[in-house]
PDB file of N, CA and C in Angstrom:
ATOM      1  N   UNK A   1      29.068  39.052  64.289  1.00  0.00           N
ATOM      2  CA  UNK A   1      27.941  39.074  64.742  1.00  0.00           C
ATOM      3  C   UNK A   1      27.866  37.941  63.156  1.00  0.00           C
ATOM      4  N   UNK A   2      27.852  38.909  62.047  1.00  0.00           N
ATOM      5  CA  UNK A   2      27.994  38.025  60.593  1.00  0.00           C
ATOM      6  C   UNK A   2      28.920  36.741  60.544  1.00  0.00           C
ATOM      7  N   UNK A   3      29.760  36.650  60.772  1.00  0.00           N
ATOM      8  CA  UNK A   3      30.782  34.967  61.477  1.00  0.00           C
ATOM      9  C   UNK A   3      29.950  34.471  62.384  1.00  0.00           C
ATOM     10  N   UNK A   4      29.343  34.585  63.267  1.00  0.00           N
ATOM     11  CA  UNK A   4      27.937  33.292  63.737  1.00  0.00           C
ATOM     12  C   UNK A   4      27.284  33.013  63.190  1.00  0.00           C
ATOM     13  N   UNK A   5      26.059  33.980  62.249  1.00  0.00           N
ATOM     14  CA  UNK A   5      25.283  33.875  61.472  1.00  0.00           C
ATOM     15  C   UNK A   5      25.999  32.568  60.548  1.00  0.00           C
ATOM     16  N   UNK A   6      26.607  32.636  60.207  1.00  0.00           N
ATOM     17  CA  UNK A   6      27.928  32.444  58.810  1.00  0.00           C
ATOM     18  C   UNK A   6      28.146  30.331  59.552  1.00  0.00           C
ATOM     19  N   UNK A   7      28.477  30.765  60.291  1.00  0.00           N
ATOM     20  CA  UNK A   7      28.846  29.753  61.523  1.00  0.00           C
ATOM     21  C   UNK A   7      27.911  28.328  61.490  1.00  0.00           C
ATOM     22  N   UNK A   8      26.622  29.448  62.552  1.00  0.00           N
ATOM     23  CA  UNK A   8      25.436  28.344  62.816  1.00  0.00           C
ATOM     24  C   UNK A   8      24.923  28.379  61.355  1.00  0.00           C
ATOM     25  N   UNK A   9      25.243  28.415  60.244  1.00  0.00           N
ATOM     26  CA  UNK A   9      24.354  28.285  58.259  1.00  0.00           C
ATOM     27  C   UNK A   9      24.914  27.387  58.280  1.00  0.00           C
ATOM     28  N   UNK A  10      26.503  27.103  58.184  1.00  0.00           N
ATOM     29  CA  UNK A  10      27.449  26.417  58.022  1.00  0.00           C
ATOM     30  C   UNK A  10      26.478  24.786  58.360  1.00  0.00           C
ATOM     31  N   UNK A  11      26.815  25.022  60.209  1.00  0.00           N
ATOM     32  CA  UNK A  11      26.313  23.516  60.550  1.00  0.00           C
ATOM     33  C   UNK A  11      24.772  23.735  60.371  1.00  0.00           C
ATOM     34  N   UNK A  12      24.218  23.903  59.728  1.00  0.00           N
ATOM     35  CA  UNK A  12      22.219  23.947  59.757  1.00  0.00           C
ATOM     36  C   UNK A  12      22.566  23.628  58.612  1.00  0.00           C
ATOM     37  N   UNK A  13      23.020  23.949  57.678  1.00  0.00           N
ATOM     38  CA  UNK A  13      23.427  22.464  55.732  1.00  0.00           C
ATOM     39  C   UNK A  13      23.983  21.890  56.261  1.00  0.00           C
ATOM     40  N   UNK A  14      24.880  21.783  57.172  1.00  0.00           N
ATOM     41  CA  UNK A  14      25.430  19.571  57.609  1.00  0.00           C
ATOM     42  C   UNK A  14      24.484  19.475  57.894  1.00  0.00           C
ATOM     43  N   UNK A  15      23.895  19.923  58.879  1.00  0.00           N
ATOM     44  CA  UNK A  15      22.737  19.030  59.250  1.00  0.00           C
ATOM     45  C   UNK A  15      22.071  18.152  58.625  1.00  0.00           C
ATOM     46  N   UNK A  16      21.774  19.057  57.829  1.00  0.00           N
ATOM     47  CA  UNK A  16      20.646  18.980  57.084  1.00  0.00           C
ATOM     48  C   UNK A  16      20.930  17.952  55.650  1.00  0.00           C
ATOM     49  N   UNK A  17      21.766  18.089  55.893  1.00  0.00           N
ATOM     50  CA  UNK A  17      22.774  17.303  54.447  1.00  0.00           C
ATOM     51  C   UNK A  17      22.870  15.660  55.065  1.00  0.00           C
ATOM     52  N   UNK A  18      23.659  15.898  56.696  1.00  0.00           N
ATOM     53  CA  UNK A  18      22.917  13.868  56.726  1.00  0.00           C
ATOM     54  C   UNK A  18      21.749  13.653  57.021  1.00  0.00           C
ATOM     55  N   UNK A  19      21.111  14.248  57.341  1.00  0.00           N
ATOM     56  CA  UNK A  19      19.452  13.931  57.646  1.00  0.00           C
ATOM     57  C   UNK A  19      18.745  13.821  56.051  1.00  0.00           C
ATOM     58  N   UNK A  20      19.104  14.176  55.128  1.00  0.00           N
ATOM     59  CA  UNK A  20      18.414  14.155  53.325  1.00  0.00           C
ATOM     60  C   UNK A  20      19.107  13.915  52.641  1.00  0.00           C
ATOM     61  N   UNK A  21      20.530  13.400  53.050  1.00  0.00           N
ATOM     62  CA  UNK A  21      21.124  13.521  51.861  1.00  0.00           C
ATOM     63  C   UNK A  21      21.506  13.649  50.178  1.00  0.00           C
ATOM     64  N   UNK A  22      21.022  13.223  48.943  1.00  0.00           N
ATOM     65  CA  UNK A  22      21.255  14.403  47.966  1.00  0.00           C
ATOM     66  C   UNK A  22      19.672  15.636  48.409  1.00  0.00           C
ATOM     67  N   UNK A  23      18.547  15.132  49.465  1.00  0.00           N
ATOM     68  CA  UNK A  23      17.111  16.477  48.249  1.00  0.00           C
ATOM     69  C   UNK A  23      18.269  17.600  49.575  1.00  0.00           C
ATOM     70  N   UNK A  24      18.918  16.959  50.823  1.00  0.00           N
ATOM     71  CA  UNK A  24      18.944  18.079  51.548  1.00  0.00           C
ATOM     72  C   UNK A  24      20.954  19.281  51.209  1.00  0.00           C
ATOM     73  N   UNK A  25      21.559  18.315  50.399  1.00  0.00           N
ATOM     74  CA  UNK A  25      22.053  19.490  49.610  1.00  0.00           C
ATOM     75  C   UNK A  25      21.532  19.723  49.093  1.00  0.00           C
ATOM     76  N   UNK A  26      20.227  19.813  48.025  1.00  0.00           N
ATOM     77  CA  UNK A  26      19.765  21.353  47.506  1.00  0.00           C
ATOM     78  C   UNK A  26      19.061  22.471  47.712  1.00  0.00           C
ATOM     79  N   UNK A  27      18.576  21.448  49.524  1.00  0.00           N
ATOM     80  CA  UNK A  27      18.448  22.445  50.521  1.00  0.00           C
ATOM     81  C   UNK A  27      18.930  23.536  51.169  1.00  0.00           C
ATOM     82  N   UNK A  28      20.697  22.803  51.383  1.00  0.00           N
ATOM     83  CA  UNK A  28      21.589  23.477  51.856  1.00  0.00           C
ATOM     84  C   UNK A  28      22.524  24.689  51.148  1.00  0.00           C
ATOM     85  N   UNK A  29      22.137  24.417  48.999  1.00  0.00           N
ATOM     86  CA  UNK A  29      22.864  25.065  48.581  1.00  0.00           C
ATOM     87  C   UNK A  29      22.224  26.246  48.326  1.00  0.00           C
ATOM     88  N   UNK A  30      20.268  25.385  48.285  1.00  0.00           N
ATOM     89  CA  UNK A  30      19.479  27.155  47.693  1.00  0.00           C
ATOM     90  C   UNK A  30      19.303  28.095  49.226  1.00  0.00           C
ATOM     91  N   UNK A  31      19.586  27.505  50.430  1.00  0.00           N
ATOM     92  CA  UNK A  31      19.572  28.746  51.814  1.00  0.00           C
ATOM     93  C   UNK A  31      21.097  29.168  51.244  1.00  0.00           C
ATOM     94  N   UNK A  32      21.986  28.693  50.890  1.00  0.00           N
ATOM     95  CA  UNK A  32      23.330  29.180  50.405  1.00  0.00           C
ATOM     96  C   UNK A  32      23.654  30.211  49.827  1.00  0.00           C
ATOM     97  N   UNK A  33      23.012  29.180  48.727  1.00  0.00           N
ATOM     98  CA  UNK A  33      22.231  30.640  47.312  1.00  0.00           C
ATOM     99  C   UNK A  33      21.616  32.291  47.678  1.00  0.00           C
ATOM    100  N   UNK A  34      20.364  31.750  48.476  1.00  0.00           N
ATOM    101  CA  UNK A  34      19.811  32.891  49.165  1.00  0.00           C
ATOM    102  C   UNK A  34      21.314  33.344  50.118  1.00  0.00           C
ATOM    103  N   UNK A  35      21.379  33.422  51.131  1.00  0.00           N
ATOM    104  CA  UNK A  35      21.831  34.540  51.927  1.00  0.00           C
ATOM    105  C   UNK A  35      23.112  35.057  51.374  1.00  0.00           C
ATOM    106  N   UNK A  36      23.498  33.734  49.772  1.00  0.00           N
ATOM    107  CA  UNK A  36      24.603  34.855  49.297  1.00  0.00           C
ATOM    108  C   UNK A  36      24.200  36.653  48.993  1.00  0.00           C
ATOM    109  N   UNK A  37      22.930  36.008  48.589  1.00  0.00           N
ATOM    110  CA  UNK A  37      22.297  36.963  46.930  1.00  0.00           C
ATOM    111  C   UNK A  37      22.333  38.207  47.883  1.00  0.00           C
ATOM    112  N   UNK A  38      20.975  37.389  49.450  1.00  0.00           N
ATOM    113  CA  UNK A  38      20.718  38.872  50.445  1.00  0.00           C
ATOM    114  C   UNK A  38      22.071  39.571  50.997  1.00  0.00           C
ATOM    115  N   UNK A  39      23.235  39.409  51.151  1.00  0.00           N
ATOM    116  CA  UNK A  39      24.088  39.713  51.869  1.00  0.00           C
ATOM    117  C   UNK A  39      24.817  40.500  50.532  1.00  0.00           C
ATOM    118  N   UNK A  40      25.437  39.826  49.703  1.00  0.00           N
ATOM    119  CA  UNK A  40      25.831  40.752  48.535  1.00  0.00           C
ATOM    120  C   UNK A  40      23.804  41.870  47.980  1.00  0.00           C
ATOM    121  N   UNK A  41      22.854  41.901  48.134  1.00  0.00           N
ATOM    122  CA  UNK A  41      22.757  42.835  47.740  1.00  0.00           C
ATOM    123  C   UNK A  41      22.205  43.591  48.875  1.00  0.00           C
ATOM    124  N   UNK A  42      22.727  43.257  50.270  1.00  0.00           N
ATOM    125  CA  UNK A  42      23.146  44.463  50.820  1.00  0.00           C
ATOM    126  C   UNK A  42      24.107  45.360  50.939  1.00  0.00           C
ATOM    127  N   UNK A  43      25.158  44.360  50.301  1.00  0.00           N
ATOM    128  CA  UNK A  43      26.361  45.088  50.299  1.00  0.00           C
ATOM    129  C   UNK A  43      26.343  46.162  49.071  1.00  0.00           C
ATOM    130  N   UNK A  44      25.731  45.533  48.663  1.00  0.00           N
ATOM    131  CA  UNK A  44      25.633  46.682  46.743  1.00  0.00           C
ATOM    132  C   UNK A  44      24.856  47.539  47.363  1.00  0.00           C
ATOM    133  N   UNK A  45      24.014  47.922  48.706  1.00  0.00           N
ATOM    134  CA  UNK A  45      22.679  49.105  48.797  1.00  0.00           C
ATOM    135  C   UNK A  45      24.213  49.563  49.826  1.00  0.00           C
ATOM    136  N   UNK A  46      24.938  49.592  50.194  1.00  0.00           N
ATOM    137  CA  UNK A  46      25.278  49.704  51.080  1.00  0.00           C
ATOM    138  C   UNK A  46      26.108  50.575  50.440  1.00  0.00           C
ATOM    139  N   UNK A  47      27.021  50.648  49.028  1.00  0.00           N
ATOM    140  CA  UNK A  47      28.013  51.074  48.963  1.00  0.00           C
ATOM    141  C   UNK A  47      27.467  51.931  47.290  1.00  0.00           C
ATOM    142  N   UNK A  48      26.471  51.720  47.057  1.00  0.00           N
ATOM    143  CA  UNK A  48      25.503  52.439  45.332  1.00  0.00           C
ATOM    144  C   UNK A  48      25.439  53.529  46.325  1.00  0.00           C
ATOM    145  N   UNK A  49      26.019  54.751  46.371  1.00  0.00           N
ATOM    146  CA  UNK A  49      25.258  55.909  46.712  1.00  0.00           C
ATOM    147  C   UNK A  49      25.338  56.640  46.188  1.00  0.00           C
ATOM    148  N   UNK A  50      24.698  56.794  44.012  1.00  0.00           N
ATOM    149  CA  UNK A  50      25.111  57.784  43.624  1.00  0.00           C
ATOM    150  C   UNK A  50      23.712  58.743  43.424  1.00  0.00           C
ATOM    151  N   UNK A  51      24.227  59.545  42.993  1.00  0.00           N
ATOM    152  CA  UNK A  51      22.747  60.413  43.342  1.00  0.00           C
ATOM    153  C   UNK A  51      21.370  60.532  43.003  1.00  0.00           C
ATOM    154  N   UNK A  52      21.478  60.085  41.683  1.00  0.00           N
ATOM    155  CA  UNK A  52      20.076  59.027  40.908  1.00  0.00           C
ATOM    156  C   UNK A  52      18.835  57.955  41.835  1.00  0.00           C
ATOM    157  N   UNK A  53      19.649  57.821  43.338  1.00  0.00           N
ATOM    158  CA  UNK A  53      19.203  56.955  43.553  1.00  0.00           C
ATOM    159  C   UNK A  53      18.365  57.569  44.865  1.00  0.00           C
ATOM    160  N   UNK A  54      19.029  58.943  45.001  1.00  0.00           N
ATOM    161  CA  UNK A  54      18.193  59.521  45.908  1.00  0.00           C
ATOM    162  C   UNK A  54      17.188  59.990  45.965  1.00  0.00           C
ATOM    163  N   UNK A  55      17.065  60.455  43.855  1.00  0.00           N
ATOM    164  CA  UNK A  55      16.034  61.548  43.484  1.00  0.00           C
ATOM    165  C   UNK A  55      14.734  59.912  43.335  1.00  0.00           C
ATOM    166  N   UNK A  56      14.893  58.698  43.652  1.00  0.00           N
ATOM    167  CA  UNK A  56      14.557  57.658  42.949  1.00  0.00           C
ATOM    168  C   UNK A  56      14.298  56.556  41.319  1.00  0.00           C
ATOM    169  N   UNK A  57      15.093  57.002  41.247  1.00  0.00           N
ATOM    170  CA  UNK A  57      15.628  56.179  39.801  1.00  0.00           C
ATOM    171  C   UNK A  57      16.463  55.470  39.795  1.00  0.00           C
ATOM    172  N   UNK A  58      16.384  54.884  40.376  1.00  0.00           N
ATOM    173  CA  UNK A  58      16.893  53.585  40.727  1.00  0.00           C
ATOM    174  C   UNK A  58      17.566  52.667  39.291  1.00  0.00           C
ATOM    175  N   UNK A  59      16.463  52.406  38.738  1.00  0.00           N
ATOM    176  CA  UNK A  59      16.512  51.372  37.612  1.00  0.00           C
ATOM    177  C   UNK A  59      16.915  52.043  35.755  1.00  0.00           C
ATOM    178  N   UNK A  60      16.646  53.521  36.115  1.00  0.00           N
ATOM    179  CA  UNK A  60      17.166  54.402  35.056  1.00  0.00           C
ATOM    180  C   UNK A  60      19.081  54.608  35.440  1.00  0.00           C
ATOM    181  N   UNK A  61      19.090  54.212  34.027  1.00  0.00           N
ATOM    182  CA  UNK A  61      20.936  54.376  33.687  1.00  0.00           C
ATOM    183  C   UNK A  61      20.915  55.971  34.047  1.00  0.00           C
TER     184      UNK A  61
END
């Protein structure tokens, strides 16, 4: 599923790049950056199951 979504995202970015030129490159890069942050955050949320998160003290060390 993620592979399919990634393929569609790359095709979409390529299409926008062809249509809009430099501005499309900016938009495509921004989209890929946000996608990477989103996937990375989901991975961190799943991988990080330390006890303090269960008690709602996520931002305290």
